[in-house]
Amino acid sequence: MKKIILYLIMATSILGAQLKDGRYFVQEKEYIYGWASTASMEIEEGKIVKITTDKVNKKGELASKNDWYNKEMFAKNKTNPKEFSIILPKNFIKGLKKDYELKEVDFEMPKIDIIAGATDSSKSFKKMMEFLVEKSKAGTTGKYKIKL
């Protein structure tokens, strides 16, 4: 048991050292049906402390807070941004903890479960998190726009 605890401490220390403190944000360049996917990540003391994802329109309104959008999407897909903006970051963190236990040195993206009905959003989130992890390894904080 002591070996496992020591291993986890060493692994998270090594992995944490690879991520530079700061706030990292990315937004999809294009607005699809009036919305662009976003993701953000905050790193403190080399550890991920907060992850968010959502969609935003050109007015800056969040899809997770838009009652009409959530109602319409739920009727068609049985999910909506109000739900998957919470589920995707949780799945990411869960997968990351599993990777912390399995990987010795290299930080790799955990498997992110695709949410039925939100396949495109799930895939976009994964691409954005890969981008943010690379930025956090380099310590290049800021706001970015990328083509997904």
Protein backbone atom coordinates (compact mmCIF):
# COMPACT_ATOMS: atom_id res chain seq x y z
CA MET A 1 0.00 0.00 0.00
CA LYS A 2 2.84 2.39 0.87
CA LYS A 3 4.43 1.74 -2.53
CA ILE A 4 1.18 2.62 -4.30
CA ILE A 5 0.80 5.87 -2.35
CA LEU A 6 4.44 6.79 -2.97
CA TYR A 7 4.05 5.97 -6.67
CA LEU A 8 0.93 8.17 -6.94
CA ILE A 9 2.68 11.05 -5.18
CA MET A 10 5.70 10.75 -7.48
CA ALA A 11 3.53 10.44 -10.59
CA THR A 12 1.38 13.46 -9.80
CA SER A 13 4.46 15.49 -8.87
CA ILE A 14 6.18 14.67 -12.14
CA LEU A 15 3.00 15.19 -14.16
CA GLY A 16 2.09 18.34 -12.31
CA ALA A 17 5.51 19.81 -13.03
CA GLN A 18 4.73 19.57 -16.73
CA LEU A 19 1.70 21.84 -16.47
CA LYS A 20 2.40 25.55 -15.97
CA ASP A 21 0.20 27.65 -13.71
CA GLY A 22 -2.27 29.98 -15.37
CA ARG A 23 -5.56 30.31 -17.16
CA TYR A 24 -5.99 28.87 -20.62
CA PHE A 25 -9.02 29.46 -22.86
CA VAL A 26 -9.91 28.36 -26.36
CA GLN A 27 -12.86 29.06 -28.62
CA GLU A 28 -13.84 27.56 -31.93
CA LYS A 29 -13.25 30.05 -34.77
CA GLU A 30 -16.51 29.32 -36.58
CA TYR A 31 -20.03 29.72 -35.25
CA ILE A 32 -22.05 26.65 -36.19
CA TYR A 33 -25.79 27.40 -36.09
CA GLY A 34 -24.86 30.60 -34.26
CA TRP A 35 -22.73 28.95 -31.54
CA ALA A 36 -19.00 28.32 -31.05
CA SER A 37 -17.59 25.72 -28.67
CA THR A 38 -15.36 26.90 -25.82
CA ALA A 39 -13.18 25.32 -23.16
CA SER A 40 -10.99 26.65 -20.39
CA MET A 41 -8.54 25.20 -17.92
CA GLU A 42 -6.96 26.64 -14.79
CA ILE A 43 -3.70 25.29 -13.40
CA GLU A 44 -2.47 26.01 -9.87
CA GLU A 45 0.72 24.55 -8.42
CA GLY A 46 1.03 22.37 -11.52
CA LYS A 47 -2.40 20.78 -11.08
CA ILE A 48 -5.64 21.21 -12.96
CA VAL A 49 -8.06 22.93 -10.59
CA LYS A 50 -10.87 23.90 -12.95
CA ILE A 51 -12.15 22.92 -16.38
CA THR A 52 -15.13 24.41 -18.18
CA THR A 53 -16.79 23.88 -21.53
CA ASP A 54 -19.78 25.50 -23.18
CA LYS A 55 -20.95 27.11 -26.38
CA VAL A 56 -21.12 30.87 -26.88
CA ASN A 57 -22.93 33.02 -29.41
CA LYS A 58 -21.67 36.28 -30.94
CA LYS A 59 -23.39 38.26 -28.16
CA GLY A 60 -21.34 36.35 -25.58
CA GLU A 61 -24.31 34.40 -24.23
CA LEU A 62 -23.65 30.86 -23.01
CA ALA A 63 -25.69 28.00 -24.45
CA SER A 64 -25.84 26.32 -21.02
CA LYS A 65 -27.80 29.35 -19.74
CA ASN A 66 -30.09 29.69 -22.77
CA ASP A 67 -33.43 28.07 -21.84
CA TRP A 68 -34.75 27.93 -25.42
CA TYR A 69 -31.58 26.31 -26.80
CA ASN A 70 -31.47 23.75 -23.99
CA LYS A 71 -35.15 22.87 -24.38
CA GLU A 72 -34.90 22.48 -28.18
CA MET A 73 -31.72 20.42 -28.07
CA PHE A 74 -33.03 18.18 -25.29
CA ALA A 75 -36.22 17.47 -27.27
CA LYS A 76 -34.12 16.30 -30.25
CA ASN A 77 -31.06 14.73 -28.59
CA LYS A 78 -32.01 13.92 -24.98
CA THR A 79 -29.12 16.07 -23.80
CA ASN A 80 -28.16 19.74 -23.92
CA PRO A 81 -25.35 22.16 -23.04
CA LYS A 82 -26.74 22.60 -19.53
CA GLU A 83 -25.98 18.90 -18.96
CA PHE A 84 -22.89 18.23 -21.04
CA SER A 85 -21.09 21.40 -19.93
CA ILE A 86 -20.96 19.68 -16.52
CA ILE A 87 -20.53 16.05 -17.62
CA LEU A 88 -17.62 16.51 -20.08
CA PRO A 89 -15.25 18.20 -17.58
CA LYS A 90 -16.14 15.58 -14.93
CA ASN A 91 -15.41 12.76 -17.41
CA PHE A 92 -12.11 14.42 -18.30
CA ILE A 93 -11.03 14.64 -14.64
CA LYS A 94 -12.13 11.06 -13.97
CA GLY A 95 -10.12 9.83 -16.95
CA LEU A 96 -7.16 11.94 -15.92
CA LYS A 97 -7.10 10.40 -12.44
CA LYS A 98 -7.04 6.94 -14.03
CA ASP A 99 -4.11 8.01 -16.21
CA TYR A 100 -2.28 9.40 -13.18
CA GLU A 101 -2.42 5.91 -11.72
CA LEU A 102 -1.25 4.23 -14.92
CA LYS A 103 1.34 6.50 -16.50
CA GLU A 104 4.81 6.91 -15.12
CA VAL A 105 5.99 10.18 -16.59
CA ASP A 106 4.20 11.31 -19.74
CA PHE A 107 1.01 13.28 -19.37
CA GLU A 108 -1.42 11.91 -21.92
CA MET A 109 -4.99 12.86 -22.65
CA PRO A 110 -7.41 10.60 -20.82
CA LYS A 111 -10.17 8.87 -22.71
CA ILE A 112 -13.17 11.18 -22.80
CA ASP A 113 -16.48 9.37 -23.05
CA ILE A 114 -18.63 10.59 -25.91
CA ILE A 115 -22.03 11.73 -24.71
CA ALA A 116 -24.87 10.31 -26.81
CA GLY A 117 -26.67 13.17 -28.49
CA ALA A 118 -23.69 15.47 -28.04
CA THR A 119 -21.15 13.68 -30.21
CA ASP A 120 -19.88 16.82 -31.98
CA SER A 121 -19.60 18.72 -28.70
CA SER A 122 -17.73 15.81 -27.12
CA LYS A 123 -15.27 15.60 -30.02
CA SER A 124 -14.78 19.38 -29.99
CA PHE A 125 -14.15 19.31 -26.24
CA LYS A 126 -11.49 16.63 -26.66
CA LYS A 127 -9.70 18.63 -29.37
CA MET A 128 -9.87 21.81 -27.30
CA MET A 129 -8.52 20.04 -24.20
CA GLU A 130 -5.64 18.60 -26.21
CA PHE A 131 -4.88 22.15 -27.37
CA LEU A 132 -5.11 23.56 -23.82
CA VAL A 133 -2.90 20.83 -22.36
CA GLU A 134 -0.21 21.65 -24.94
CA LYS A 135 -0.49 25.36 -24.11
CA SER A 136 -0.27 24.61 -20.38
CA LYS A 137 2.83 22.47 -20.87
CA ALA A 138 4.48 25.45 -22.61
CA GLY A 139 3.06 27.96 -20.13
CA THR A 140 1.54 30.08 -22.89
CA THR A 141 -1.52 31.36 -21.08
CA GLY A 142 -4.19 33.36 -22.81
CA LYS A 143 -7.24 33.21 -25.03
CA TYR A 144 -7.06 31.38 -28.33
CA LYS A 145 -9.31 30.67 -31.30
CA ILE A 146 -8.87 27.47 -33.28
CA LYS A 147 -10.51 25.71 -36.18
CA LEU A 148 -12.10 22.46 -35.09
